[in-house]
Amino acid sequence: MDNIILIGMPGCGKSTVGVLLAKLLGYSFIDSDLLIQAAENKRLFEILKDSGCEYFCSLEDRINSQISCEKTVIATGGSVVYCKAAMEHLKSIGRVVYLKAPLSALEKRVDNFETRGIMMKKGATLSDIYAERTPLYEKYADITVNVGCGSLTKSAQKIIDALKNT
């Protein structure tokens, strides 16, 4: 139970803050989106375009369910909360931290829907997936940290403080 698993919306800082958090803690870092890309030898948006959301979700579930590590910060894809087996596995190997950011901040950060590789239904907006995923993030989170404003260092320190207080 010494891993830290970061969940949250696209643009909340899981990968960016995760690297900094790992450095501050002396942990390793894994970005599960990169594991998915390596498994398929394609970028996320290409997998979604070529194979669809259902395939992507099963792939994401399988890849995240196989992560085995110690003293590691794991940044997950925003859609991992749709993957029951993956979330059960991740909760069994560490503490799940939900990086919560307001929709207004996410809308400023996420503008490259075509190439970012966000799993979403055709015609859906960032607001739609925010409304759909927020209850799932809250369900799986052991800790919730508000990261909407402030520097990356402040966000990482908020996570460290929250982990110490649990």
N, C-alpha and C. Protein backbone atom coordinates (compact mmCIF):
# COMPACT_ATOMS: atom_id res chain seq x y z
N MET A 1 0.83 -1.22 0.00
CA MET A 1 0.00 0.00 0.00
C MET A 1 0.86 1.26 0.00
N ASP A 2 1.99 1.22 -0.64
CA ASP A 2 2.86 2.38 -0.61
C ASP A 2 2.85 3.17 -1.91
N ASN A 3 1.96 2.80 -2.84
CA ASN A 3 1.84 3.54 -4.09
C ASN A 3 0.80 4.65 -3.94
N ILE A 4 0.92 5.65 -4.80
CA ILE A 4 -0.04 6.75 -4.85
C ILE A 4 -0.61 6.76 -6.25
N ILE A 5 -1.93 6.59 -6.35
CA ILE A 5 -2.60 6.53 -7.64
C ILE A 5 -3.39 7.82 -7.83
N LEU A 6 -3.09 8.55 -8.90
CA LEU A 6 -3.75 9.81 -9.18
C LEU A 6 -4.86 9.60 -10.20
N ILE A 7 -6.07 10.05 -9.83
CA ILE A 7 -7.21 10.00 -10.74
C ILE A 7 -7.77 11.41 -10.87
N GLY A 8 -8.50 11.65 -11.95
CA GLY A 8 -9.12 12.96 -12.15
C GLY A 8 -9.33 13.24 -13.61
N MET A 9 -9.96 14.34 -13.87
CA MET A 9 -10.30 14.76 -15.23
C MET A 9 -9.06 15.05 -16.07
N PRO A 10 -9.20 14.93 -17.40
CA PRO A 10 -8.13 15.39 -18.28
C PRO A 10 -7.84 16.87 -17.98
N GLY A 11 -6.58 17.19 -17.84
CA GLY A 11 -6.19 18.57 -17.60
C GLY A 11 -6.04 18.94 -16.13
N CYS A 12 -6.32 18.01 -15.21
CA CYS A 12 -6.22 18.35 -13.79
C CYS A 12 -4.77 18.30 -13.28
N GLY A 13 -3.87 17.69 -14.07
CA GLY A 13 -2.46 17.68 -13.69
C GLY A 13 -1.91 16.35 -13.21
N LYS A 14 -2.62 15.26 -13.47
CA LYS A 14 -2.16 13.95 -12.97
C LYS A 14 -0.73 13.65 -13.40
N SER A 15 -0.44 13.78 -14.67
CA SER A 15 0.91 13.46 -15.16
C SER A 15 1.94 14.49 -14.73
N THR A 16 1.62 15.74 -14.86
CA THR A 16 2.57 16.81 -14.56
C THR A 16 2.87 16.88 -13.07
N VAL A 17 1.82 16.91 -12.26
CA VAL A 17 2.01 16.96 -10.80
C VAL A 17 2.57 15.63 -10.31
N GLY A 18 2.18 14.54 -10.98
CA GLY A 18 2.66 13.22 -10.58
C GLY A 18 4.17 13.10 -10.65
N VAL A 19 4.78 13.61 -11.70
CA VAL A 19 6.24 13.58 -11.83
C VAL A 19 6.88 14.36 -10.70
N LEU A 20 6.38 15.54 -10.43
CA LEU A 20 6.92 16.37 -9.35
C LEU A 20 6.73 15.69 -8.00
N LEU A 21 5.56 15.13 -7.77
CA LEU A 21 5.27 14.42 -6.53
C LEU A 21 6.25 13.26 -6.33
N ALA A 22 6.48 12.50 -7.39
CA ALA A 22 7.43 11.38 -7.31
C ALA A 22 8.82 11.87 -6.95
N LYS A 23 9.25 12.95 -7.54
CA LYS A 23 10.58 13.50 -7.22
C LYS A 23 10.66 13.93 -5.76
N LEU A 24 9.60 14.61 -5.28
CA LEU A 24 9.60 15.09 -3.90
C LEU A 24 9.61 13.94 -2.89
N LEU A 25 8.95 12.84 -3.24
CA LEU A 25 8.86 11.70 -2.33
C LEU A 25 9.99 10.68 -2.52
N GLY A 26 10.75 10.81 -3.60
CA GLY A 26 11.76 9.81 -3.92
C GLY A 26 11.14 8.53 -4.46
N TYR A 27 9.99 8.66 -5.10
CA TYR A 27 9.26 7.52 -5.68
C TYR A 27 9.55 7.41 -7.16
N SER A 28 9.19 6.29 -7.73
CA SER A 28 9.19 6.13 -9.18
C SER A 28 7.89 6.73 -9.72
N PHE A 29 7.80 6.83 -11.04
CA PHE A 29 6.60 7.39 -11.67
C PHE A 29 6.18 6.54 -12.85
N ILE A 30 4.89 6.27 -12.95
CA ILE A 30 4.31 5.57 -14.10
C ILE A 30 3.13 6.38 -14.60
N ASP A 31 3.07 6.57 -15.91
CA ASP A 31 1.90 7.17 -16.55
C ASP A 31 1.20 6.03 -17.29
N SER A 32 0.03 5.62 -16.82
CA SER A 32 -0.62 4.46 -17.42
C SER A 32 -1.05 4.71 -18.86
N ASP A 33 -1.26 5.96 -19.24
CA ASP A 33 -1.57 6.25 -20.65
C ASP A 33 -0.38 5.86 -21.55
N LEU A 34 0.83 6.06 -21.05
CA LEU A 34 2.01 5.67 -21.82
C LEU A 34 2.13 4.15 -21.93
N LEU A 35 1.71 3.44 -20.88
CA LEU A 35 1.70 1.98 -20.94
C LEU A 35 0.71 1.49 -22.00
N ILE A 36 -0.44 2.15 -22.08
CA ILE A 36 -1.46 1.80 -23.08
C ILE A 36 -0.92 2.05 -24.48
N GLN A 37 -0.30 3.20 -24.66
CA GLN A 37 0.27 3.52 -25.98
C GLN A 37 1.35 2.52 -26.37
N ALA A 38 2.18 2.13 -25.44
CA ALA A 38 3.25 1.18 -25.73
C ALA A 38 2.68 -0.20 -26.08
N ALA A 39 1.62 -0.59 -25.40
CA ALA A 39 1.02 -1.90 -25.66
C ALA A 39 0.44 -1.98 -27.08
N GLU A 40 -0.06 -0.86 -27.58
CA GLU A 40 -0.70 -0.84 -28.90
C GLU A 40 0.20 -0.25 -29.99
N ASN A 41 1.32 0.34 -29.57
CA ASN A 41 2.21 1.04 -30.49
C ASN A 41 1.46 2.12 -31.28
N LYS A 42 0.56 2.79 -30.58
CA LYS A 42 -0.24 3.89 -31.14
C LYS A 42 -0.47 4.92 -30.05
N ARG A 43 -0.75 6.14 -30.47
CA ARG A 43 -1.14 7.16 -29.51
C ARG A 43 -2.60 6.95 -29.11
N LEU A 44 -2.97 7.49 -27.96
CA LEU A 44 -4.32 7.26 -27.44
C LEU A 44 -5.40 7.62 -28.44
N PHE A 45 -5.28 8.79 -29.06
CA PHE A 45 -6.33 9.22 -29.98
C PHE A 45 -6.43 8.29 -31.19
N GLU A 46 -5.30 7.69 -31.57
CA GLU A 46 -5.32 6.74 -32.68
C GLU A 46 -6.04 5.45 -32.29
N ILE A 47 -5.81 4.99 -31.08
CA ILE A 47 -6.50 3.80 -30.59
C ILE A 47 -8.00 4.06 -30.57
N LEU A 48 -8.40 5.20 -30.03
CA LEU A 48 -9.81 5.55 -29.96
C LEU A 48 -10.43 5.66 -31.36
N LYS A 49 -9.71 6.31 -32.26
CA LYS A 49 -10.21 6.50 -33.63
C LYS A 49 -10.31 5.17 -34.37
N ASP A 50 -9.30 4.33 -34.24
CA ASP A 50 -9.24 3.08 -34.99
C ASP A 50 -10.10 1.97 -34.40
N SER A 51 -10.20 1.94 -33.07
CA SER A 51 -10.85 0.79 -32.42
C SER A 51 -12.08 1.12 -31.59
N GLY A 52 -12.29 2.40 -31.28
CA GLY A 52 -13.49 2.80 -30.56
C GLY A 52 -13.35 2.78 -29.04
N CYS A 53 -14.35 3.36 -28.39
CA CYS A 53 -14.34 3.52 -26.94
C CYS A 53 -14.42 2.19 -26.19
N GLU A 54 -15.23 1.27 -26.69
CA GLU A 54 -15.39 -0.01 -25.99
C GLU A 54 -14.06 -0.76 -25.93
N TYR A 55 -13.38 -0.83 -27.06
CA TYR A 55 -12.08 -1.49 -27.09
C TYR A 55 -11.09 -0.77 -26.18
N PHE A 56 -11.07 0.56 -26.28
CA PHE A 56 -10.13 1.34 -25.48
C PHE A 56 -10.36 1.07 -23.99
N CYS A 57 -11.63 1.04 -23.59
CA CYS A 57 -11.95 0.82 -22.18
C CYS A 57 -11.47 -0.56 -21.72
N SER A 58 -11.66 -1.58 -22.53
CA SER A 58 -11.20 -2.92 -22.14
C SER A 58 -9.67 -2.97 -22.07
N LEU A 59 -9.02 -2.27 -22.98
CA LEU A 59 -7.56 -2.18 -22.97
C LEU A 59 -7.07 -1.45 -21.72
N GLU A 60 -7.70 -0.33 -21.42
CA GLU A 60 -7.33 0.45 -20.25
C GLU A 60 -7.54 -0.37 -18.97
N ASP A 61 -8.62 -1.11 -18.91
CA ASP A 61 -8.91 -1.96 -17.76
C ASP A 61 -7.81 -3.02 -17.59
N ARG A 62 -7.45 -3.67 -18.68
CA ARG A 62 -6.45 -4.73 -18.64
C ARG A 62 -5.07 -4.19 -18.25
N ILE A 63 -4.65 -3.12 -18.88
CA ILE A 63 -3.32 -2.55 -18.61
C ILE A 63 -3.20 -2.08 -17.16
N ASN A 64 -4.19 -1.34 -16.69
CA ASN A 64 -4.14 -0.83 -15.31
C ASN A 64 -4.25 -1.94 -14.28
N SER A 65 -4.94 -3.03 -14.63
CA SER A 65 -5.08 -4.17 -13.71
C SER A 65 -3.78 -4.95 -13.57
N GLN A 66 -2.84 -4.74 -14.47
CA GLN A 66 -1.57 -5.47 -14.46
C GLN A 66 -0.41 -4.68 -13.86
N ILE A 67 -0.65 -3.45 -13.47
CA ILE A 67 0.44 -2.65 -12.91
C ILE A 67 0.90 -3.26 -11.59
N SER A 68 2.20 -3.48 -11.50
CA SER A 68 2.79 -4.04 -10.29
C SER A 68 4.02 -3.21 -9.95
N CYS A 69 4.00 -2.55 -8.81
CA CYS A 69 5.11 -1.67 -8.45
C CYS A 69 5.06 -1.37 -6.96
N GLU A 70 6.11 -0.74 -6.47
CA GLU A 70 6.18 -0.30 -5.09
C GLU A 70 6.77 1.11 -5.07
N LYS A 71 6.32 1.90 -4.11
CA LYS A 71 6.80 3.27 -3.95
C LYS A 71 6.80 4.01 -5.29
N THR A 72 5.62 4.04 -5.89
CA THR A 72 5.46 4.63 -7.22
C THR A 72 4.23 5.54 -7.23
N VAL A 73 4.36 6.67 -7.90
CA VAL A 73 3.21 7.52 -8.21
C VAL A 73 2.71 7.07 -9.57
N ILE A 74 1.43 6.73 -9.63
CA ILE A 74 0.82 6.25 -10.87
C ILE A 74 -0.20 7.28 -11.34
N ALA A 75 0.06 7.88 -12.48
CA ALA A 75 -0.91 8.80 -13.09
C ALA A 75 -1.75 7.97 -14.06
N THR A 76 -3.04 7.96 -13.84
CA THR A 76 -3.94 7.18 -14.69
C THR A 76 -4.58 8.08 -15.73
N GLY A 77 -5.19 7.45 -16.71
CA GLY A 77 -6.00 8.20 -17.67
C GLY A 77 -7.30 8.62 -16.99
N GLY A 78 -7.88 9.69 -17.47
CA GLY A 78 -9.11 10.20 -16.87
C GLY A 78 -10.27 9.24 -16.89
N SER A 79 -10.25 8.30 -17.83
CA SER A 79 -11.37 7.37 -17.98
C SER A 79 -11.19 6.08 -17.20
N VAL A 80 -10.11 5.93 -16.44
CA VAL A 80 -9.87 4.68 -15.72
C VAL A 80 -11.00 4.35 -14.75
N VAL A 81 -11.73 5.35 -14.30
CA VAL A 81 -12.81 5.10 -13.34
C VAL A 81 -13.98 4.34 -13.95
N TYR A 82 -13.99 4.16 -15.27
CA TYR A 82 -14.98 3.31 -15.92
C TYR A 82 -14.58 1.84 -15.84
N CYS A 83 -13.38 1.57 -15.39
CA CYS A 83 -12.80 0.22 -15.41
C CYS A 83 -12.81 -0.36 -14.00
N LYS A 84 -13.82 -1.16 -13.71
CA LYS A 84 -14.01 -1.67 -12.36
C LYS A 84 -12.83 -2.53 -11.88
N ALA A 85 -12.40 -3.46 -12.72
CA ALA A 85 -11.29 -4.34 -12.31
C ALA A 85 -10.02 -3.53 -12.06
N ALA A 86 -9.75 -2.58 -12.93
CA ALA A 86 -8.56 -1.74 -12.77
C ALA A 86 -8.62 -0.94 -11.48
N MET A 87 -9.76 -0.36 -11.20
CA MET A 87 -9.87 0.46 -9.99
C MET A 87 -9.76 -0.40 -8.73
N GLU A 88 -10.32 -1.59 -8.74
CA GLU A 88 -10.18 -2.47 -7.59
C GLU A 88 -8.71 -2.84 -7.39
N HIS A 89 -8.02 -3.14 -8.48
CA HIS A 89 -6.59 -3.46 -8.40
C HIS A 89 -5.79 -2.27 -7.88
N LEU A 90 -6.02 -1.11 -8.47
CA LEU A 90 -5.25 0.08 -8.06
C LEU A 90 -5.48 0.40 -6.59
N LYS A 91 -6.71 0.28 -6.13
CA LYS A 91 -7.00 0.53 -4.71
C LYS A 91 -6.28 -0.49 -3.82
N SER A 92 -6.06 -1.69 -4.34
CA SER A 92 -5.40 -2.72 -3.53
C SER A 92 -3.89 -2.52 -3.43
N ILE A 93 -3.32 -1.71 -4.32
CA ILE A 93 -1.86 -1.52 -4.31
C ILE A 93 -1.44 -0.12 -3.84
N GLY A 94 -2.40 0.72 -3.47
CA GLY A 94 -2.03 2.05 -3.01
C GLY A 94 -3.21 2.89 -2.63
N ARG A 95 -2.92 4.14 -2.35
CA ARG A 95 -3.98 5.09 -2.01
C ARG A 95 -4.35 5.88 -3.25
N VAL A 96 -5.64 6.01 -3.47
CA VAL A 96 -6.15 6.70 -4.65
C VAL A 96 -6.44 8.15 -4.28
N VAL A 97 -5.79 9.05 -5.01
CA VAL A 97 -5.94 10.49 -4.76
C VAL A 97 -6.65 11.11 -5.96
N TYR A 98 -7.80 11.70 -5.71
CA TYR A 98 -8.58 12.39 -6.74
C TYR A 98 -8.11 13.83 -6.80
N LEU A 99 -7.54 14.23 -7.93
CA LEU A 99 -7.13 15.62 -8.14
C LEU A 99 -8.34 16.35 -8.72
N LYS A 100 -8.98 17.10 -7.87
CA LYS A 100 -10.22 17.78 -8.23
C LYS A 100 -9.92 19.21 -8.67
N ALA A 101 -10.39 19.52 -9.86
CA ALA A 101 -10.22 20.88 -10.41
C ALA A 101 -11.57 21.35 -10.91
N PRO A 102 -11.85 22.64 -10.79
CA PRO A 102 -13.12 23.14 -11.30
C PRO A 102 -13.19 23.07 -12.82
N LEU A 103 -14.39 22.89 -13.32
CA LEU A 103 -14.59 22.79 -14.77
C LEU A 103 -14.00 24.00 -15.49
N SER A 104 -14.14 25.18 -14.91
CA SER A 104 -13.62 26.39 -15.57
C SER A 104 -12.11 26.31 -15.79
N ALA A 105 -11.38 25.75 -14.85
CA ALA A 105 -9.93 25.60 -15.00
C ALA A 105 -9.61 24.55 -16.07
N LEU A 106 -10.36 23.47 -16.07
CA LEU A 106 -10.14 22.41 -17.06
C LEU A 106 -10.41 22.90 -18.47
N GLU A 107 -11.44 23.71 -18.63
CA GLU A 107 -11.78 24.24 -19.95
C GLU A 107 -10.66 25.11 -20.50
N LYS A 108 -9.92 25.78 -19.63
CA LYS A 108 -8.79 26.60 -20.07
C LYS A 108 -7.59 25.74 -20.46
N ARG A 109 -7.45 24.58 -19.82
CA ARG A 109 -6.28 23.73 -20.03
C ARG A 109 -6.45 22.72 -21.17
N VAL A 110 -7.66 22.26 -21.40
CA VAL A 110 -7.90 21.19 -22.38
C VAL A 110 -8.55 21.77 -23.62
N ASP A 111 -7.77 21.84 -24.69
CA ASP A 111 -8.33 22.37 -25.94
C ASP A 111 -8.02 21.50 -27.14
N ASN A 112 -7.26 20.47 -26.94
CA ASN A 112 -6.84 19.62 -28.05
C ASN A 112 -7.55 18.26 -28.01
N PHE A 113 -8.87 18.29 -28.10
CA PHE A 113 -9.66 17.06 -27.99
C PHE A 113 -9.28 16.04 -29.07
N GLU A 114 -8.94 16.51 -30.24
CA GLU A 114 -8.65 15.60 -31.36
C GLU A 114 -7.41 14.76 -31.13
N THR A 115 -6.38 15.33 -30.52
CA THR A 115 -5.12 14.61 -30.37
C THR A 115 -4.79 14.24 -28.93
N ARG A 116 -5.63 14.60 -28.00
CA ARG A 116 -5.34 14.31 -26.60
C ARG A 116 -5.67 12.86 -26.23
N GLY A 117 -6.64 12.29 -26.90
CA GLY A 117 -7.02 10.92 -26.60
C GLY A 117 -7.96 10.81 -25.43
N ILE A 118 -8.99 11.63 -25.42
CA ILE A 118 -9.98 11.61 -24.35
C ILE A 118 -11.13 10.70 -24.76
N MET A 119 -11.39 9.69 -23.92
CA MET A 119 -12.48 8.77 -24.22
C MET A 119 -13.81 9.47 -23.89
N MET A 120 -14.57 9.74 -24.93
CA MET A 120 -15.86 10.40 -24.74
C MET A 120 -16.78 10.06 -25.89
N LYS A 121 -18.07 10.05 -25.59
CA LYS A 121 -19.07 9.75 -26.62
C LYS A 121 -19.08 10.85 -27.66
N LYS A 122 -19.43 10.47 -28.88
CA LYS A 122 -19.48 11.43 -29.97
C LYS A 122 -20.46 12.55 -29.60
N GLY A 123 -20.01 13.77 -29.79
CA GLY A 123 -20.84 14.94 -29.49
C GLY A 123 -20.78 15.40 -28.05
N ALA A 124 -20.12 14.65 -27.18
CA ALA A 124 -20.01 15.02 -25.77
C ALA A 124 -19.05 16.19 -25.61
N THR A 125 -19.27 16.95 -24.56
CA THR A 125 -18.40 18.07 -24.24
C THR A 125 -17.60 17.76 -22.97
N LEU A 126 -16.64 18.59 -22.68
CA LEU A 126 -15.88 18.44 -21.44
C LEU A 126 -16.82 18.53 -20.24
N SER A 127 -17.79 19.41 -20.33
CA SER A 127 -18.78 19.55 -19.27
C SER A 127 -19.57 18.25 -19.07
N ASP A 128 -19.90 17.58 -20.16
CA ASP A 128 -20.65 16.32 -20.09
C ASP A 128 -19.83 15.25 -19.36
N ILE A 129 -18.55 15.11 -19.74
CA ILE A 129 -17.76 14.06 -19.09
C ILE A 129 -17.42 14.44 -17.65
N TYR A 130 -17.32 15.73 -17.37
CA TYR A 130 -17.10 16.19 -15.99
C TYR A 130 -18.27 15.75 -15.11
N ALA A 131 -19.48 15.99 -15.59
CA ALA A 131 -20.68 15.61 -14.84
C ALA A 131 -20.79 14.09 -14.68
N GLU A 132 -20.40 13.36 -15.71
CA GLU A 132 -20.50 11.91 -15.68
C GLU A 132 -19.43 11.26 -14.79
N ARG A 133 -18.23 11.78 -14.84
CA ARG A 133 -17.11 11.15 -14.13
C ARG A 133 -16.95 11.59 -12.68
N THR A 134 -17.36 12.80 -12.34
CA THR A 134 -17.13 13.30 -10.98
C THR A 134 -17.63 12.33 -9.91
N PRO A 135 -18.84 11.79 -10.02
CA PRO A 135 -19.28 10.83 -8.99
C PRO A 135 -18.39 9.58 -8.92
N LEU A 136 -17.83 9.17 -10.05
CA LEU A 136 -16.94 8.00 -10.05
C LEU A 136 -15.61 8.32 -9.39
N TYR A 137 -15.07 9.50 -9.66
CA TYR A 137 -13.83 9.90 -8.98
C TYR A 137 -14.05 9.93 -7.48
N GLU A 138 -15.18 10.49 -7.06
CA GLU A 138 -15.49 10.59 -5.63
C GLU A 138 -15.68 9.21 -5.01
N LYS A 139 -16.29 8.29 -5.76
CA LYS A 139 -16.52 6.93 -5.28
C LYS A 139 -15.21 6.21 -4.99
N TYR A 140 -14.24 6.32 -5.89
CA TYR A 140 -13.00 5.56 -5.77
C TYR A 140 -11.92 6.25 -4.94
N ALA A 141 -12.05 7.53 -4.70
CA ALA A 141 -10.99 8.28 -4.02
C ALA A 141 -10.87 7.92 -2.55
N ASP A 142 -9.64 7.71 -2.12
CA ASP A 142 -9.35 7.62 -0.69
C ASP A 142 -9.14 9.03 -0.14
N ILE A 143 -8.62 9.90 -0.99
CA ILE A 143 -8.30 11.28 -0.62
C ILE A 143 -8.69 12.17 -1.81
N THR A 144 -9.27 13.33 -1.53
CA THR A 144 -9.56 14.31 -2.57
C THR A 144 -8.74 15.56 -2.29
N VAL A 145 -8.04 16.04 -3.32
CA VAL A 145 -7.22 17.23 -3.18
C VAL A 145 -7.64 18.22 -4.26
N ASN A 146 -8.00 19.42 -3.85
CA ASN A 146 -8.37 20.48 -4.79
C ASN A 146 -7.10 21.07 -5.39
N VAL A 147 -7.00 21.00 -6.72
CA VAL A 147 -5.79 21.45 -7.41
C VAL A 147 -6.08 22.47 -8.50
N GLY A 148 -7.21 23.11 -8.44
CA GLY A 148 -7.62 24.00 -9.52
C GLY A 148 -6.73 25.20 -9.73
N CYS A 149 -6.25 25.78 -8.67
CA CYS A 149 -5.45 27.00 -8.78
C CYS A 149 -4.11 26.77 -8.08
N GLY A 150 -3.17 27.57 -8.41
CA GLY A 150 -1.86 27.49 -7.75
C GLY A 150 -0.86 26.76 -8.61
N SER A 151 0.35 26.75 -8.11
CA SER A 151 1.47 26.18 -8.85
C SER A 151 1.48 24.66 -8.73
N LEU A 152 2.29 24.03 -9.59
CA LEU A 152 2.46 22.59 -9.53
C LEU A 152 3.05 22.17 -8.19
N THR A 153 3.99 22.94 -7.70
CA THR A 153 4.62 22.63 -6.41
C THR A 153 3.59 22.68 -5.29
N LYS A 154 2.71 23.68 -5.32
CA LYS A 154 1.66 23.77 -4.30
C LYS A 154 0.72 22.59 -4.38
N SER A 155 0.39 22.17 -5.59
CA SER A 155 -0.49 21.01 -5.75
C SER A 155 0.18 19.75 -5.20
N ALA A 156 1.45 19.55 -5.52
CA ALA A 156 2.17 18.38 -5.00
C ALA A 156 2.24 18.42 -3.48
N GLN A 157 2.48 19.60 -2.93
CA GLN A 157 2.56 19.71 -1.47
C GLN A 157 1.20 19.45 -0.83
N LYS A 158 0.12 19.88 -1.46
CA LYS A 158 -1.23 19.59 -0.95
C LYS A 158 -1.46 18.08 -0.88
N ILE A 159 -0.99 17.37 -1.89
CA ILE A 159 -1.14 15.91 -1.92
C ILE A 159 -0.34 15.29 -0.78
N ILE A 160 0.91 15.71 -0.61
CA ILE A 160 1.76 15.20 0.46
C ILE A 160 1.11 15.45 1.82
N ASP A 161 0.60 16.66 2.02
CA ASP A 161 -0.05 17.00 3.30
C ASP A 161 -1.28 16.14 3.54
N ALA A 162 -2.08 15.94 2.49
CA ALA A 162 -3.29 15.12 2.60
C ALA A 162 -2.94 13.67 2.93
N LEU A 163 -1.86 13.16 2.31
CA LEU A 163 -1.45 11.78 2.58
C LEU A 163 -0.97 11.63 4.03
N LYS A 164 -0.29 12.64 4.56
CA LYS A 164 0.19 12.58 5.94
C LYS A 164 -0.96 12.60 6.93
N ASN A 165 -2.05 13.24 6.55
CA ASN A 165 -3.20 13.39 7.46
C ASN A 165 -4.20 12.25 7.37
N THR A 166 -3.84 11.20 6.63
CA THR A 166 -4.77 10.06 6.54
C THR A 166 -4.14 8.79 7.07
